[in-house]
Amino acid sequence: MQRNKEKGILYHAVLYIKRKKSRSAILVGIFFTLSVLVLAGITLTDAVENSLEELRKQFYACLTVERTFDDENLVTPELGKTAAEVIKPKKWSGTNTFYLSMQELSLIPGKFTSEGKEEAHTARMVSCTESVLGREFTEGKLKLTEGEHIQRDDIGKAVISEELAAANGLKIGDTITGTVTDEMIMRARSGVGNTYNFQIVGIFQVDPEADNTSPQRAETEILSNYVYVDEKSGMDVQRDVWQEKTEYANGITLWIEDPALLTGALEKLQSIPGYNWDSYFINTNNAEYDRASGPLTQMERILFLMLAVVLALGTVILTIILTMWNQERTREMGIFLSMGFSKGKIMRKLIVENLLIFAGSFLIAVPVVFFGVRFLGSVLDISGAILKAGNVFVVGVGGFTFCAAVTALSSVKIMRVNPKEILVMPN
């Protein structure tokens, strides 16, 4: 009996759709438009979110701590270890810069070579815990092309440039020697004549756009003459040559995996007791991430706003149209009541009518969006804009729920009327 009643509802719903072709066509247009806009909006939003996630993974988010001119507040290894324990970065590295005379090597010529001065043999030595975190590497100016980076706890290791290796016939495993001289740039207070040996473990390439080789530039400033060495070597020079306390003279860098965590990392750092944080230079590169992610974030906001507006307008338009049409169907509803249909059954009939129209419209919208979002993605420069089955399912279920809810909402007024009144109400 119940099955026959349900068939009766479906039969009358299909009959009404066939009879009212113009109204059905209007609803098809509305449901199709809403389906296309919502499916496309969600697909593009997903693609933007995925792009932002990939950007976060690729972006080098860092927090740097450097000393000021205050000699009492140093960036010590203890500070670095404490900060790492509190912040829990993916990696961290301390840096010292010093200079040694590479008397056995031919550096890339610069200003002092043309002047015939001894400084033409002086190279910049960048001592770091891990060379992969060196500023020039993280900024993309340098790229390791052979061997490996300086690692934590390495001793007597070096990474040099392709140009320096080629000019001197050097390869991985060879040893280079630096000597302390009395040149002013070395600031040697002791140990003049000391030598330091380094085994080459890696070779890097200078990005052509960053290459600053020039006959007017000092050899120590030319990127191809940079020599990255291990942390202990820098500490040894600091102790034996500079006769200074053990510290990271050029500060520490903490690598934060997600740029979104930079603000929290900064707050954790400044909460560490025992340090006067006003006496340190503390910086983050979240401004660079904001610039890189700005267009994507703006696009995400626009798409979210578009979806909100589409759903709001769709709800209002459908409610108004269906309410007007339902009021025009009062006599029809009266006839159904006289046939023994309950208000609930009439409500279900109205819902089934619109669900059938929505289902047809949605099935047409899916292939349109499938091909359309790829074109939109290329126009808007959004990669990975692909309609996923999960999104189709979610929007489909949401659409059915939305359609049923709007239909019910538009029928509330007429369903509140007494059945006897419905029978005598004019259209």
Protein backbone atom coordinates (compact mmCIF):
# COMPACT_ATOMS: atom_id res chain seq x y z
CA MET A 1 0.00 0.00 0.00
CA GLN A 2 2.76 2.42 1.02
CA ARG A 3 4.72 1.49 -2.12
CA ASN A 4 1.77 2.35 -4.32
CA LYS A 5 1.40 5.70 -2.58
CA GLU A 6 5.03 6.54 -3.17
CA LYS A 7 4.63 5.59 -6.83
CA GLY A 8 1.65 7.89 -6.91
CA ILE A 9 3.78 10.79 -5.67
CA LEU A 10 6.47 10.11 -8.30
CA TYR A 11 3.88 9.74 -11.04
CA HIS A 12 2.17 13.03 -10.23
CA ALA A 13 5.56 14.79 -9.88
CA VAL A 14 6.66 13.65 -13.35
CA LEU A 15 3.27 14.55 -14.77
CA TYR A 16 3.52 18.09 -13.38
CA ILE A 17 7.05 18.56 -14.78
CA LYS A 18 5.88 17.50 -18.26
CA ARG A 19 2.80 19.69 -18.06
CA LYS A 20 4.64 22.82 -16.83
CA LYS A 21 7.53 22.84 -19.30
CA SER A 22 8.24 26.57 -19.02
CA ARG A 23 8.47 26.51 -15.23
CA SER A 24 10.57 23.35 -15.37
CA ALA A 25 12.91 25.02 -17.85
CA ILE A 26 13.32 28.02 -15.54
CA LEU A 27 14.19 25.74 -12.62
CA VAL A 28 16.61 23.77 -14.80
CA GLY A 29 18.36 27.03 -15.66
CA ILE A 30 18.57 28.12 -12.02
CA PHE A 31 19.73 24.72 -10.71
CA PHE A 32 22.22 24.33 -13.57
CA THR A 33 23.71 27.78 -12.94
CA LEU A 34 23.97 27.19 -9.19
CA SER A 35 25.51 23.73 -9.72
CA VAL A 36 28.10 25.04 -12.16
CA LEU A 37 29.07 27.99 -9.96
CA VAL A 38 29.29 25.95 -6.76
CA LEU A 39 31.16 23.02 -8.34
CA ALA A 40 33.59 25.35 -10.11
CA GLY A 41 34.03 27.50 -7.01
CA ILE A 42 34.79 24.53 -4.75
CA THR A 43 37.14 22.97 -7.33
CA LEU A 44 39.09 26.20 -7.80
CA THR A 45 39.17 26.80 -4.03
CA ASP A 46 40.64 23.32 -3.53
CA ALA A 47 43.25 24.01 -6.19
CA VAL A 48 44.21 27.32 -4.54
CA GLU A 49 44.45 25.65 -1.11
CA ASN A 50 46.66 22.91 -2.58
CA SER A 51 48.88 25.55 -4.20
CA LEU A 52 49.20 27.37 -0.87
CA GLU A 53 50.08 24.10 0.85
CA GLU A 54 52.76 23.37 -1.76
CA LEU A 55 54.11 26.90 -1.38
CA ARG A 56 54.36 26.43 2.38
CA LYS A 57 56.30 23.20 1.84
CA GLN A 58 58.69 24.79 -0.65
CA PHE A 59 59.11 28.11 1.13
CA TYR A 60 62.05 28.49 3.46
CA ALA A 61 60.49 29.99 6.58
CA CYS A 62 63.13 31.15 9.01
CA LEU A 63 63.66 32.97 12.27
CA THR A 64 67.04 34.67 12.72
CA VAL A 65 68.66 35.91 15.92
CA GLU A 66 71.73 38.16 15.75
CA ARG A 67 73.64 40.09 18.35
CA THR A 68 73.66 43.87 18.52
CA PHE A 69 76.72 45.90 19.47
CA ASP A 70 76.16 44.89 23.09
CA ASP A 71 79.14 42.66 23.99
CA GLU A 72 77.31 41.16 26.98
CA ASN A 73 74.44 39.62 25.01
CA LEU A 74 76.02 37.10 22.66
CA VAL A 75 74.38 34.53 20.42
CA THR A 76 76.02 31.51 22.02
CA PRO A 77 75.69 27.80 21.17
CA GLU A 78 73.75 27.45 24.43
CA LEU A 79 71.23 30.05 23.26
CA GLY A 80 70.88 28.21 19.97
CA LYS A 81 70.28 24.84 21.65
CA THR A 82 67.76 26.32 24.09
CA ALA A 83 65.86 28.06 21.29
CA ALA A 84 65.80 24.82 19.29
CA GLU A 85 64.43 22.87 22.27
CA VAL A 86 61.63 25.40 22.82
CA ILE A 87 60.69 26.15 19.20
CA LYS A 88 61.42 22.68 17.79
CA PRO A 89 62.42 23.85 14.30
CA LYS A 90 63.00 21.42 11.45
CA LYS A 91 66.67 22.47 11.45
CA TRP A 92 68.82 25.24 12.86
CA SER A 93 72.29 26.57 12.19
CA GLY A 94 74.74 29.08 13.67
CA THR A 95 77.10 31.14 11.51
CA ASN A 96 80.51 32.79 11.80
CA THR A 97 82.31 34.62 9.02
CA PHE A 98 86.08 34.92 8.96
CA TYR A 99 88.85 35.32 6.38
CA LEU A 100 91.88 33.23 5.46
CA SER A 101 94.57 33.63 2.84
CA MET A 102 94.32 30.84 0.26
CA GLN A 103 97.90 31.22 -0.93
CA GLU A 104 97.92 27.96 -2.86
CA LEU A 105 94.75 28.78 -4.79
CA SER A 106 93.85 31.15 -7.59
CA LEU A 107 90.68 32.95 -6.56
CA ILE A 108 88.23 34.39 -9.08
CA PRO A 109 89.89 37.74 -9.98
CA GLY A 110 88.50 40.93 -8.52
CA LYS A 111 89.63 44.37 -7.46
CA PHE A 112 92.82 43.36 -5.62
CA THR A 113 94.05 41.07 -8.40
CA SER A 114 94.26 43.97 -10.84
CA GLU A 115 96.02 46.04 -8.16
CA GLY A 116 98.50 43.23 -7.45
CA LYS A 117 97.79 43.22 -3.71
CA GLU A 118 98.11 40.34 -1.25
CA GLU A 119 94.37 40.60 -0.49
CA ALA A 120 93.76 38.96 -3.89
CA HIS A 121 94.33 35.61 -2.11
CA THR A 122 91.94 36.31 0.79
CA ALA A 123 88.72 34.30 0.76
CA ARG A 124 85.55 34.67 2.80
CA MET A 125 85.07 31.60 5.01
CA VAL A 126 81.48 31.02 6.10
CA SER A 127 81.44 28.69 9.09
CA CYS A 128 78.04 27.12 9.74
CA THR A 129 76.36 24.26 11.52
CA GLU A 130 74.67 23.16 8.29
CA SER A 131 75.56 24.86 5.02
CA VAL A 132 72.15 24.05 3.51
CA LEU A 133 70.81 26.76 5.84
CA GLY A 134 73.34 29.33 4.69
CA ARG A 135 71.60 32.54 3.63
CA GLU A 136 72.88 32.38 0.07
CA PHE A 137 71.59 28.81 -0.32
CA THR A 138 68.16 29.52 1.16
CA GLU A 139 67.78 32.60 -1.04
CA GLY A 140 68.52 30.52 -4.13
CA LYS A 141 71.73 32.34 -5.03
CA LEU A 142 73.75 29.15 -4.57
CA LYS A 143 72.83 25.54 -5.33
CA LEU A 144 74.75 22.39 -4.42
CA THR A 145 75.50 20.45 -7.61
CA GLU A 146 78.00 17.85 -6.43
CA GLY A 147 78.80 16.08 -3.16
CA GLU A 148 77.04 17.01 0.07
CA HIS A 149 76.46 19.96 2.38
CA ILE A 150 78.34 20.68 5.60
CA GLN A 151 76.63 18.67 8.35
CA ARG A 152 76.35 19.18 12.09
CA ASP A 153 79.46 17.85 13.91
CA ASP A 154 81.61 17.89 10.73
CA ILE A 155 85.26 18.82 11.31
CA GLY A 156 87.64 20.20 8.69
CA LYS A 157 85.12 20.10 5.80
CA ALA A 158 84.49 22.63 3.02
CA VAL A 159 82.07 23.38 0.17
CA ILE A 160 83.41 25.49 -2.71
CA SER A 161 82.12 26.88 -6.02
CA GLU A 162 82.31 25.25 -9.44
CA GLU A 163 84.35 28.21 -10.69
CA LEU A 164 86.91 27.92 -7.90
CA ALA A 165 87.16 24.15 -8.39
CA ALA A 166 87.62 24.51 -12.15
CA ALA A 167 90.24 27.27 -11.81
CA ASN A 168 92.36 25.12 -9.49
CA GLY A 169 91.61 21.60 -10.74
CA LEU A 170 89.90 20.66 -7.47
CA LYS A 171 87.41 17.85 -6.90
CA ILE A 172 85.50 16.16 -4.08
CA GLY A 173 87.95 14.72 -1.54
CA ASP A 174 90.78 17.19 -2.24
CA THR A 175 92.19 19.34 0.57
CA ILE A 176 92.57 23.12 0.60
CA THR A 177 94.58 25.15 3.11
CA GLY A 178 93.91 28.59 4.58
CA THR A 179 96.52 30.68 6.39
CA VAL A 180 96.16 33.42 8.99
CA THR A 181 98.03 36.57 7.93
CA ASP A 182 98.37 40.02 9.39
CA GLU A 183 95.98 41.56 6.86
CA MET A 184 93.66 44.06 8.50
CA ILE A 185 90.50 42.27 7.31
CA MET A 186 91.40 39.15 9.32
CA ARG A 187 91.48 41.07 12.63
CA ALA A 188 94.09 38.59 13.91
CA ARG A 189 95.09 39.21 17.51
CA SER A 190 97.15 36.04 17.61
CA GLY A 191 98.02 32.97 15.57
CA VAL A 192 99.49 34.72 12.53
CA GLY A 193 100.91 31.94 10.37
CA ASN A 194 98.45 29.32 11.62
CA THR A 195 97.07 27.08 8.89
CA TYR A 196 93.71 25.32 8.66
CA ASN A 197 93.06 22.37 6.34
CA PHE A 198 89.68 21.55 4.84
CA GLN A 199 88.55 18.54 2.84
CA ILE A 200 86.17 19.40 -0.01
CA VAL A 201 82.87 17.55 0.45
CA GLY A 202 80.63 19.60 -1.84
CA ILE A 203 80.64 21.92 -4.84
CA PHE A 204 78.01 24.60 -5.48
CA GLN A 205 76.84 26.56 -8.49
CA VAL A 206 76.23 30.32 -8.46
CA ASP A 207 72.91 31.31 -9.99
CA PRO A 208 73.62 33.39 -13.14
CA GLU A 209 71.30 36.16 -11.93
CA ALA A 210 73.13 36.30 -8.59
CA ASP A 211 76.65 36.11 -10.03
CA ASN A 212 78.45 39.26 -8.87
CA THR A 213 81.88 38.65 -10.39
CA SER A 214 83.42 42.00 -11.28
CA PRO A 215 86.94 43.47 -11.57
CA GLN A 216 85.71 46.35 -9.38
CA ARG A 217 84.57 44.05 -6.56
CA ALA A 218 86.82 42.77 -3.78
CA GLU A 219 87.63 39.06 -4.02
CA THR A 220 86.06 38.44 -0.62
CA GLU A 221 82.71 39.77 -1.89
CA ILE A 222 82.53 37.57 -5.00
CA LEU A 223 80.13 34.65 -4.40
CA SER A 224 82.32 32.23 -6.37
CA ASN A 225 85.10 32.84 -3.82
CA TYR A 226 82.93 31.95 -0.82
CA VAL A 227 84.12 28.86 1.05
CA TYR A 228 81.63 27.21 3.41
CA VAL A 229 83.29 25.34 6.27
CA ASP A 230 82.21 23.47 9.39
CA GLU A 231 81.15 25.09 12.66
CA LYS A 232 84.13 23.86 14.71
CA SER A 233 86.61 25.52 12.36
CA GLY A 234 84.89 28.86 12.86
CA MET A 235 84.95 28.40 16.62
CA ASP A 236 88.68 27.51 16.49
CA VAL A 237 89.51 30.70 14.58
CA GLN A 238 87.35 32.68 16.98
CA ARG A 239 89.26 31.30 19.95
CA ASP A 240 92.82 31.12 18.56
CA VAL A 241 92.93 34.11 16.21
CA TRP A 242 90.30 36.57 17.44
CA GLN A 243 90.73 35.51 21.09
CA GLU A 244 87.01 36.03 21.67
CA LYS A 245 84.32 34.13 23.54
CA THR A 246 82.63 31.26 21.75
CA GLU A 247 79.60 32.59 19.91
CA TYR A 248 77.83 32.73 16.58
CA ALA A 249 79.05 36.16 15.51
CA ASN A 250 76.63 36.16 12.57
CA GLY A 251 73.73 34.76 14.57
CA ILE A 252 71.55 31.68 14.30
CA THR A 253 68.87 30.68 11.81
CA LEU A 254 65.97 28.42 12.79
CA TRP A 255 64.16 26.72 9.91
CA ILE A 256 60.40 26.59 10.55
CA GLU A 257 58.64 24.02 8.37
CA ASP A 258 55.42 26.03 7.93
CA PRO A 259 55.51 29.84 7.44
CA ALA A 260 52.18 30.01 9.26
CA LEU A 261 54.03 28.98 12.45
CA LEU A 262 56.54 31.84 12.34
CA THR A 263 54.57 34.18 14.59
CA GLY A 264 54.15 31.46 17.22
CA ALA A 265 57.85 30.59 16.99
CA LEU A 266 58.78 34.23 17.61
CA GLU A 267 56.54 34.36 20.69
CA LYS A 268 58.09 31.15 22.05
CA LEU A 269 61.60 32.52 21.51
CA GLN A 270 60.90 35.75 23.36
CA SER A 271 59.35 33.80 26.24
CA ILE A 272 62.66 32.04 27.02
CA PRO A 273 63.87 33.42 30.38
CA GLY A 274 67.39 34.60 31.13
CA TYR A 275 67.91 36.67 27.97
CA ASN A 276 67.39 40.36 27.32
CA TRP A 277 65.68 39.96 23.95
CA ASP A 278 65.68 43.72 23.36
CA SER A 279 69.45 43.40 22.93
CA TYR A 280 69.15 41.09 19.92
CA PHE A 281 68.16 41.59 16.30
CA ILE A 282 65.29 39.14 15.72
CA ASN A 283 63.79 38.80 12.26
CA THR A 284 61.44 36.52 10.35
CA ASN A 285 60.93 36.24 6.62
CA ASN A 286 57.15 35.96 6.81
CA ALA A 287 56.92 39.20 4.81
CA GLU A 288 58.49 37.34 1.87
CA TYR A 289 55.98 34.51 2.27
CA ASP A 290 53.11 36.99 2.45
CA ARG A 291 54.28 38.54 -0.84
CA ALA A 292 54.57 35.13 -2.48
CA SER A 293 51.24 33.82 -1.18
CA GLY A 294 49.35 37.13 -1.45
CA PRO A 295 47.77 36.55 -4.89
CA LEU A 296 46.68 33.01 -3.95
CA THR A 297 45.27 34.13 -0.61
CA GLN A 298 43.37 36.94 -2.33
CA MET A 299 42.00 34.49 -4.90
CA GLU A 300 40.90 32.14 -2.10
CA ARG A 301 38.99 34.98 -0.41
CA ILE A 302 37.31 35.99 -3.67
CA LEU A 303 36.21 32.41 -4.37
CA PHE A 304 34.88 32.00 -0.83
CA LEU A 305 32.95 35.27 -1.14
CA MET A 306 31.60 34.19 -4.54
CA LEU A 307 30.34 30.90 -3.09
CA ALA A 308 28.67 32.70 -0.19
CA VAL A 309 26.96 35.20 -2.52
CA VAL A 310 25.85 32.46 -4.95
CA LEU A 311 24.31 30.38 -2.18
CA ALA A 312 22.63 33.38 -0.57
CA LEU A 313 21.17 34.70 -3.83
CA GLY A 314 20.19 31.19 -4.92
CA THR A 315 18.30 30.64 -1.68
CA VAL A 316 16.46 33.96 -1.93
CA ILE A 317 15.57 33.63 -5.64
CA LEU A 318 14.39 30.03 -5.37
CA THR A 319 12.37 30.71 -2.22
CA ILE A 320 10.60 33.68 -3.83
CA ILE A 321 9.89 31.88 -7.11
CA LEU A 322 8.70 28.64 -5.51
CA THR A 323 6.56 30.52 -2.98
CA MET A 324 4.82 32.43 -5.79
CA TRP A 325 4.28 29.26 -7.81
CA ASN A 326 2.99 27.33 -4.80
CA GLN A 327 0.43 30.05 -4.09
CA GLU A 328 -0.77 29.71 -7.68
CA ARG A 329 -1.25 25.96 -7.10
CA THR A 330 -3.70 26.24 -4.19
CA ARG A 331 -6.60 24.78 -6.20
CA GLU A 332 -4.41 21.89 -7.32
CA MET A 333 -3.46 21.20 -3.71
CA GLY A 334 -7.13 21.34 -2.75
CA ILE A 335 -7.89 18.67 -5.33
CA PHE A 336 -5.16 16.45 -3.93
CA LEU A 337 -6.55 16.96 -0.43
CA SER A 338 -9.98 15.92 -1.65
CA MET A 339 -8.38 12.77 -3.12
CA GLY A 340 -7.11 11.83 0.33
CA PHE A 341 -3.56 13.17 0.05
CA SER A 342 -2.26 14.52 3.37
CA LYS A 343 -0.35 17.80 3.65
CA GLY A 344 2.81 15.83 4.27
CA LYS A 345 2.29 13.82 1.10
CA ILE A 346 1.66 16.98 -0.91
CA MET A 347 4.86 18.46 0.56
CA ARG A 348 6.79 15.34 -0.50
CA LYS A 349 5.31 15.64 -4.00
CA LEU A 350 6.56 19.23 -4.30
CA ILE A 351 9.99 18.18 -3.04
CA VAL A 352 10.17 15.23 -5.47
CA GLU A 353 9.28 17.51 -8.38
CA ASN A 354 12.16 19.86 -7.64
CA LEU A 355 14.60 17.05 -6.78
CA LEU A 356 13.98 15.47 -10.19
CA ILE A 357 14.65 18.78 -11.90
CA PHE A 358 17.76 19.36 -9.78
CA ALA A 359 19.09 15.86 -10.54
CA GLY A 360 18.79 16.44 -14.28
CA SER A 361 20.38 19.89 -14.04
CA PHE A 362 23.23 18.58 -11.89
CA LEU A 363 24.01 15.73 -14.29
CA ILE A 364 24.35 18.27 -17.10
CA ALA A 365 26.48 20.60 -14.97
CA VAL A 366 29.10 17.98 -13.98
CA PRO A 367 30.68 17.46 -17.45
CA VAL A 368 30.47 21.19 -18.15
CA VAL A 369 32.44 21.94 -14.98
CA PHE A 370 34.85 19.03 -15.58
CA PHE A 371 36.10 20.61 -18.79
CA GLY A 372 35.44 24.23 -17.82
CA VAL A 373 37.57 24.37 -14.66
CA ARG A 374 40.68 23.38 -16.59
CA PHE A 375 40.20 26.36 -18.87
CA LEU A 376 39.44 28.65 -15.92
CA GLY A 377 42.49 27.33 -14.07
CA SER A 378 44.77 28.20 -16.98
CA VAL A 379 43.20 31.65 -17.37
CA LEU A 380 43.49 32.42 -13.64
CA ASP A 381 46.91 30.74 -13.42
CA ILE A 382 45.71 28.21 -10.84
CA SER A 383 47.43 24.84 -11.18
CA GLY A 384 45.76 21.53 -10.34
CA ALA A 385 42.18 22.68 -11.05
CA ILE A 386 40.56 19.26 -11.53
CA LEU A 387 37.00 18.27 -10.66
CA LYS A 388 37.20 15.46 -8.09
CA ALA A 389 34.63 12.75 -7.47
CA GLY A 390 34.55 13.68 -3.79
CA ASN A 391 33.54 17.25 -4.62
CA VAL A 392 30.83 16.01 -7.01
CA PHE A 393 29.43 13.78 -4.26
CA VAL A 394 29.52 16.51 -1.62
CA VAL A 395 27.93 19.13 -3.87
CA GLY A 396 25.36 16.60 -5.11
CA VAL A 397 24.28 15.60 -1.61
CA GLY A 398 24.38 19.21 -0.50
CA GLY A 399 22.34 20.22 -3.53
CA PHE A 400 19.63 17.65 -2.82
CA THR A 401 19.46 18.80 0.79
CA PHE A 402 19.41 22.46 -0.27
CA CYS A 403 16.68 21.81 -2.84
CA ALA A 404 14.49 19.93 -0.36
CA ALA A 405 14.98 22.60 2.31
CA VAL A 406 14.14 25.51 -0.02
CA THR A 407 11.08 23.68 -1.35
CA ALA A 408 9.85 23.00 2.17
CA LEU A 409 10.52 26.61 3.17
CA SER A 410 8.57 27.93 0.19
CA SER A 411 5.62 25.67 1.04
CA VAL A 412 5.30 26.62 4.70
CA LYS A 413 2.82 29.45 4.14
CA ILE A 414 0.37 27.47 2.05
CA MET A 415 0.69 24.37 4.25
CA ARG A 416 -0.34 26.34 7.31
CA VAL A 417 -3.76 27.04 5.80
CA ASN A 418 -6.67 24.87 6.94
CA PRO A 419 -7.56 22.15 4.34
CA LYS A 420 -11.14 23.49 4.05
CA GLU A 421 -9.81 26.96 3.34
CA ILE A 422 -7.45 25.61 0.68
CA LEU A 423 -10.40 24.06 -1.13
CA VAL A 424 -12.22 27.39 -1.39
CA MET A 425 -9.14 29.65 -1.89
CA PRO A 426 -8.94 31.30 -5.32
CA ASN A 427 -5.79 30.78 -7.39
